């Protein structure tokens, strides 16, 4: 085999490899444990299993409105706010 036909990695190959590694690292870090608060395990939240029930208190005019920086996607509160392991309320 001729030495001119051998493949030798170059700068483009190193950059490509670095991008692939960065994507894998970011995906691995992004799959970590959620950091949102669990739903409190108390009588007030025992029956709050729907968005409508949550918004009675946490809506704009509620007694404890959501913070302004709260994530916009709020179709289902329990996608982010999990129920505690020892949840005493109704299961969703």
N, C-alpha and C. Protein backbone atom coordinates (compact mmCIF):
# COMPACT_ATOMS: atom_id res chain seq x y z
N UNK A 1 0.85 -1.19 0.00
CA UNK A 1 0.00 0.00 0.00
C UNK A 1 0.89 1.25 0.00
N UNK A 2 0.49 2.21 -0.74
CA UNK A 2 1.26 3.44 -0.89
C UNK A 2 1.07 4.33 0.34
N UNK A 3 2.13 4.95 0.82
CA UNK A 3 2.05 5.81 2.01
C UNK A 3 1.25 7.08 1.76
N UNK A 4 1.02 7.46 0.52
CA UNK A 4 0.23 8.65 0.21
C UNK A 4 -1.26 8.42 0.43
N UNK A 5 -1.71 7.19 0.44
CA UNK A 5 -3.13 6.87 0.60
C UNK A 5 -3.54 6.67 2.06
N UNK A 6 -2.62 6.75 2.99
CA UNK A 6 -2.94 6.57 4.41
C UNK A 6 -3.71 7.78 4.92
N UNK A 7 -4.67 7.51 5.77
CA UNK A 7 -5.46 8.60 6.38
C UNK A 7 -4.72 9.12 7.59
N UNK A 8 -4.63 10.43 7.68
CA UNK A 8 -4.00 11.07 8.83
C UNK A 8 -5.00 12.10 9.38
N UNK A 9 -5.29 12.01 10.68
CA UNK A 9 -6.24 12.98 11.25
C UNK A 9 -5.67 14.39 11.19
N UNK A 10 -6.57 15.33 10.91
CA UNK A 10 -6.16 16.73 10.83
C UNK A 10 -6.94 17.59 11.81
N UNK A 11 -6.86 18.90 11.64
CA UNK A 11 -7.54 19.84 12.54
C UNK A 11 -9.05 19.66 12.48
N UNK A 12 -9.59 19.47 11.28
CA UNK A 12 -11.04 19.30 11.13
C UNK A 12 -11.53 18.07 11.88
N UNK A 13 -10.75 17.00 11.85
CA UNK A 13 -11.12 15.79 12.57
C UNK A 13 -11.10 16.02 14.09
N UNK A 14 -10.12 16.75 14.57
CA UNK A 14 -10.03 17.05 16.00
C UNK A 14 -11.20 17.93 16.44
N UNK A 15 -11.56 18.92 15.62
CA UNK A 15 -12.68 19.79 15.94
C UNK A 15 -13.97 18.99 15.96
N UNK A 16 -14.16 18.14 14.97
CA UNK A 16 -15.36 17.29 14.90
C UNK A 16 -15.46 16.41 16.15
N UNK A 17 -14.38 15.79 16.52
CA UNK A 17 -14.35 14.93 17.70
C UNK A 17 -14.65 15.74 18.97
N UNK A 18 -14.10 16.94 19.07
CA UNK A 18 -14.36 17.79 20.24
C UNK A 18 -15.83 18.18 20.32
N UNK A 19 -16.45 18.47 19.18
CA UNK A 19 -17.88 18.81 19.16
C UNK A 19 -18.72 17.62 19.60
N UNK A 20 -18.40 16.44 19.11
CA UNK A 20 -19.14 15.23 19.49
C UNK A 20 -19.01 14.98 20.99
N UNK A 21 -17.82 15.11 21.53
CA UNK A 21 -17.61 14.91 22.97
C UNK A 21 -18.38 15.95 23.77
N UNK A 22 -18.37 17.20 23.33
CA UNK A 22 -19.11 18.26 24.02
C UNK A 22 -20.61 17.97 24.03
N UNK A 23 -21.14 17.51 22.92
CA UNK A 23 -22.57 17.18 22.85
C UNK A 23 -22.90 16.04 23.81
N UNK A 24 -22.07 15.02 23.85
CA UNK A 24 -22.30 13.88 24.75
C UNK A 24 -22.25 14.34 26.21
N UNK A 25 -21.28 15.18 26.54
CA UNK A 25 -21.17 15.68 27.92
C UNK A 25 -22.39 16.51 28.29
N UNK A 26 -22.83 17.39 27.39
CA UNK A 26 -24.00 18.22 27.68
C UNK A 26 -25.27 17.38 27.84
N UNK A 27 -25.41 16.36 27.02
CA UNK A 27 -26.57 15.47 27.16
C UNK A 27 -26.52 14.72 28.48
N UNK A 28 -25.34 14.27 28.87
CA UNK A 28 -25.19 13.55 30.14
C UNK A 28 -25.51 14.47 31.32
N UNK A 29 -25.03 15.71 31.28
CA UNK A 29 -25.30 16.66 32.37
C UNK A 29 -26.76 17.08 32.40
N UNK A 30 -27.39 17.14 31.25
CA UNK A 30 -28.79 17.57 31.18
C UNK A 30 -29.78 16.54 31.67
N UNK A 31 -29.34 15.31 31.84
CA UNK A 31 -30.24 14.27 32.31
C UNK A 31 -30.17 14.08 33.82
N UNK A 32 -29.58 15.03 34.50
CA UNK A 32 -29.44 14.94 35.96
C UNK A 32 -30.78 15.06 36.66
N UNK A 33 -30.74 14.96 37.96
CA UNK A 33 -31.94 15.01 38.78
C UNK A 33 -32.56 16.41 38.75
N UNK A 34 -33.87 16.45 38.74
CA UNK A 34 -34.57 17.74 38.74
C UNK A 34 -34.34 18.47 40.06
N UNK A 35 -34.41 19.79 39.99
CA UNK A 35 -34.16 20.58 41.19
C UNK A 35 -35.41 21.35 41.62
N UNK A 36 -36.56 21.03 41.04
CA UNK A 36 -37.78 21.73 41.44
C UNK A 36 -38.27 21.19 42.78
N UNK A 37 -39.05 22.00 43.47
CA UNK A 37 -39.56 21.62 44.77
C UNK A 37 -40.68 20.60 44.63
N UNK A 38 -40.74 19.68 45.58
CA UNK A 38 -41.86 18.74 45.64
C UNK A 38 -43.09 19.47 46.14
N UNK A 39 -44.23 18.91 45.84
CA UNK A 39 -45.48 19.44 46.37
C UNK A 39 -45.48 19.20 47.88
N UNK A 40 -45.83 20.19 48.69
CA UNK A 40 -45.87 19.98 50.14
C UNK A 40 -46.85 18.86 50.50
N UNK A 41 -46.50 18.07 51.46
CA UNK A 41 -47.34 16.96 51.90
C UNK A 41 -48.17 17.41 53.10
N UNK A 42 -49.18 18.24 52.80
CA UNK A 42 -50.03 18.77 53.87
C UNK A 42 -51.49 18.74 53.42
N UNK A 43 -52.38 19.14 54.32
CA UNK A 43 -53.81 19.11 54.03
C UNK A 43 -54.20 20.05 52.90
N UNK A 44 -53.52 21.18 52.79
CA UNK A 44 -53.84 22.15 51.74
C UNK A 44 -53.60 21.54 50.36
N UNK A 45 -52.53 20.78 50.22
CA UNK A 45 -52.16 20.23 48.92
C UNK A 45 -52.66 18.79 48.71
N UNK A 46 -53.35 18.24 49.67
CA UNK A 46 -53.77 16.83 49.60
C UNK A 46 -54.65 16.53 48.39
N UNK A 47 -55.44 17.51 47.95
CA UNK A 47 -56.35 17.27 46.84
C UNK A 47 -55.98 18.08 45.60
N UNK A 48 -54.82 18.71 45.62
CA UNK A 48 -54.38 19.49 44.47
C UNK A 48 -53.67 18.56 43.49
N UNK A 49 -54.44 18.02 42.56
CA UNK A 49 -53.86 17.10 41.57
C UNK A 49 -54.09 17.57 40.14
N UNK A 50 -54.64 18.77 39.99
CA UNK A 50 -54.86 19.33 38.66
C UNK A 50 -54.27 20.74 38.60
N UNK A 51 -54.02 21.22 37.40
CA UNK A 51 -53.51 22.58 37.23
C UNK A 51 -54.51 23.59 37.80
N UNK A 52 -55.79 23.37 37.57
CA UNK A 52 -56.81 24.29 38.06
C UNK A 52 -56.77 24.41 39.58
N UNK A 53 -56.59 23.28 40.25
CA UNK A 53 -56.50 23.31 41.71
C UNK A 53 -55.26 24.08 42.17
N UNK A 54 -54.15 23.90 41.47
CA UNK A 54 -52.92 24.62 41.82
C UNK A 54 -53.09 26.12 41.63
N UNK A 55 -53.74 26.51 40.53
CA UNK A 55 -53.88 27.92 40.20
C UNK A 55 -54.85 28.66 41.11
N UNK A 56 -55.68 27.96 41.88
CA UNK A 56 -56.54 28.63 42.84
C UNK A 56 -55.71 29.44 43.84
N UNK A 57 -54.56 28.89 44.23
CA UNK A 57 -53.69 29.60 45.17
C UNK A 57 -52.46 30.22 44.49
N UNK A 58 -51.97 29.56 43.43
CA UNK A 58 -50.72 30.00 42.82
C UNK A 58 -50.91 30.78 41.53
N UNK A 59 -52.15 31.12 41.20
CA UNK A 59 -52.42 31.98 40.05
C UNK A 59 -52.10 33.43 40.37
N UNK A 60 -52.27 34.30 39.40
CA UNK A 60 -51.93 35.72 39.56
C UNK A 60 -52.66 36.34 40.74
N UNK A 61 -53.92 36.00 40.94
CA UNK A 61 -54.72 36.58 42.02
C UNK A 61 -54.80 35.68 43.24
N UNK A 62 -53.99 34.62 43.29
CA UNK A 62 -54.03 33.68 44.40
C UNK A 62 -53.32 34.21 45.64
N UNK A 63 -53.43 33.44 46.73
CA UNK A 63 -52.80 33.87 47.98
C UNK A 63 -51.28 33.74 47.96
N UNK A 64 -50.75 32.87 47.09
CA UNK A 64 -49.30 32.75 46.94
C UNK A 64 -48.99 32.53 45.45
N UNK A 65 -49.03 33.63 44.67
CA UNK A 65 -48.81 33.53 43.22
C UNK A 65 -47.43 32.95 42.87
N UNK A 66 -47.37 32.32 41.72
CA UNK A 66 -46.09 31.81 41.23
C UNK A 66 -45.13 32.98 41.04
N UNK A 67 -43.82 32.74 41.19
CA UNK A 67 -42.85 33.81 40.93
C UNK A 67 -42.89 34.22 39.46
N UNK A 68 -42.53 35.44 39.19
CA UNK A 68 -42.53 35.95 37.81
C UNK A 68 -41.60 35.14 36.90
N UNK A 69 -40.51 34.61 37.47
CA UNK A 69 -39.56 33.86 36.65
C UNK A 69 -39.96 32.40 36.46
N UNK A 70 -41.16 32.03 36.91
CA UNK A 70 -41.63 30.65 36.76
C UNK A 70 -41.68 30.28 35.28
N UNK A 71 -41.33 29.07 35.00
CA UNK A 71 -41.30 28.57 33.61
C UNK A 71 -42.66 28.78 32.95
N UNK A 72 -42.65 29.19 31.71
CA UNK A 72 -43.89 29.52 30.99
C UNK A 72 -44.76 28.30 30.78
N UNK A 73 -44.17 27.15 30.47
CA UNK A 73 -44.96 25.95 30.20
C UNK A 73 -45.56 25.45 31.51
N UNK A 74 -46.83 25.69 31.68
CA UNK A 74 -47.48 25.31 32.94
C UNK A 74 -48.72 24.47 32.69
N UNK A 75 -48.72 23.68 31.61
CA UNK A 75 -49.88 22.86 31.29
C UNK A 75 -50.15 21.83 32.37
N UNK A 76 -49.11 21.29 32.95
CA UNK A 76 -49.25 20.24 33.95
C UNK A 76 -48.24 20.49 35.06
N UNK A 77 -48.70 20.92 36.20
CA UNK A 77 -47.80 21.28 37.30
C UNK A 77 -46.92 20.11 37.74
N UNK A 78 -47.48 18.90 37.70
CA UNK A 78 -46.75 17.74 38.22
C UNK A 78 -45.73 17.17 37.25
N UNK A 79 -45.54 17.81 36.10
CA UNK A 79 -44.43 17.41 35.25
C UNK A 79 -43.12 17.83 35.89
N UNK A 80 -43.14 18.93 36.62
CA UNK A 80 -41.93 19.41 37.29
C UNK A 80 -42.02 19.22 38.81
N UNK A 81 -43.15 19.58 39.39
CA UNK A 81 -43.31 19.51 40.84
C UNK A 81 -43.85 18.13 41.21
N UNK A 82 -42.95 17.28 41.68
CA UNK A 82 -43.33 15.91 42.00
C UNK A 82 -44.01 15.83 43.36
N UNK A 83 -44.76 14.78 43.52
CA UNK A 83 -45.39 14.53 44.82
C UNK A 83 -44.38 13.80 45.69
N UNK A 84 -44.35 14.09 46.99
CA UNK A 84 -43.38 13.45 47.88
C UNK A 84 -43.56 11.93 47.91
N UNK A 85 -42.50 11.21 48.30
CA UNK A 85 -42.57 9.75 48.36
C UNK A 85 -43.64 9.28 49.33
N UNK A 86 -43.83 10.00 50.43
CA UNK A 86 -44.83 9.61 51.43
C UNK A 86 -46.13 10.38 51.25
N UNK A 87 -46.47 10.71 50.01
CA UNK A 87 -47.65 11.50 49.68
C UNK A 87 -48.90 10.90 50.29
N UNK A 88 -49.67 11.72 51.01
CA UNK A 88 -50.90 11.27 51.64
C UNK A 88 -52.14 11.67 50.86
N UNK A 89 -51.97 12.55 49.88
CA UNK A 89 -53.11 13.02 49.10
C UNK A 89 -53.51 12.04 48.00
N UNK A 90 -54.45 12.47 47.17
CA UNK A 90 -54.90 11.64 46.07
C UNK A 90 -53.79 11.56 45.02
N UNK A 91 -53.64 10.39 44.42
CA UNK A 91 -52.66 10.24 43.34
C UNK A 91 -53.24 10.82 42.08
N UNK A 92 -52.39 11.44 41.29
CA UNK A 92 -52.88 12.06 40.04
C UNK A 92 -53.12 11.00 39.01
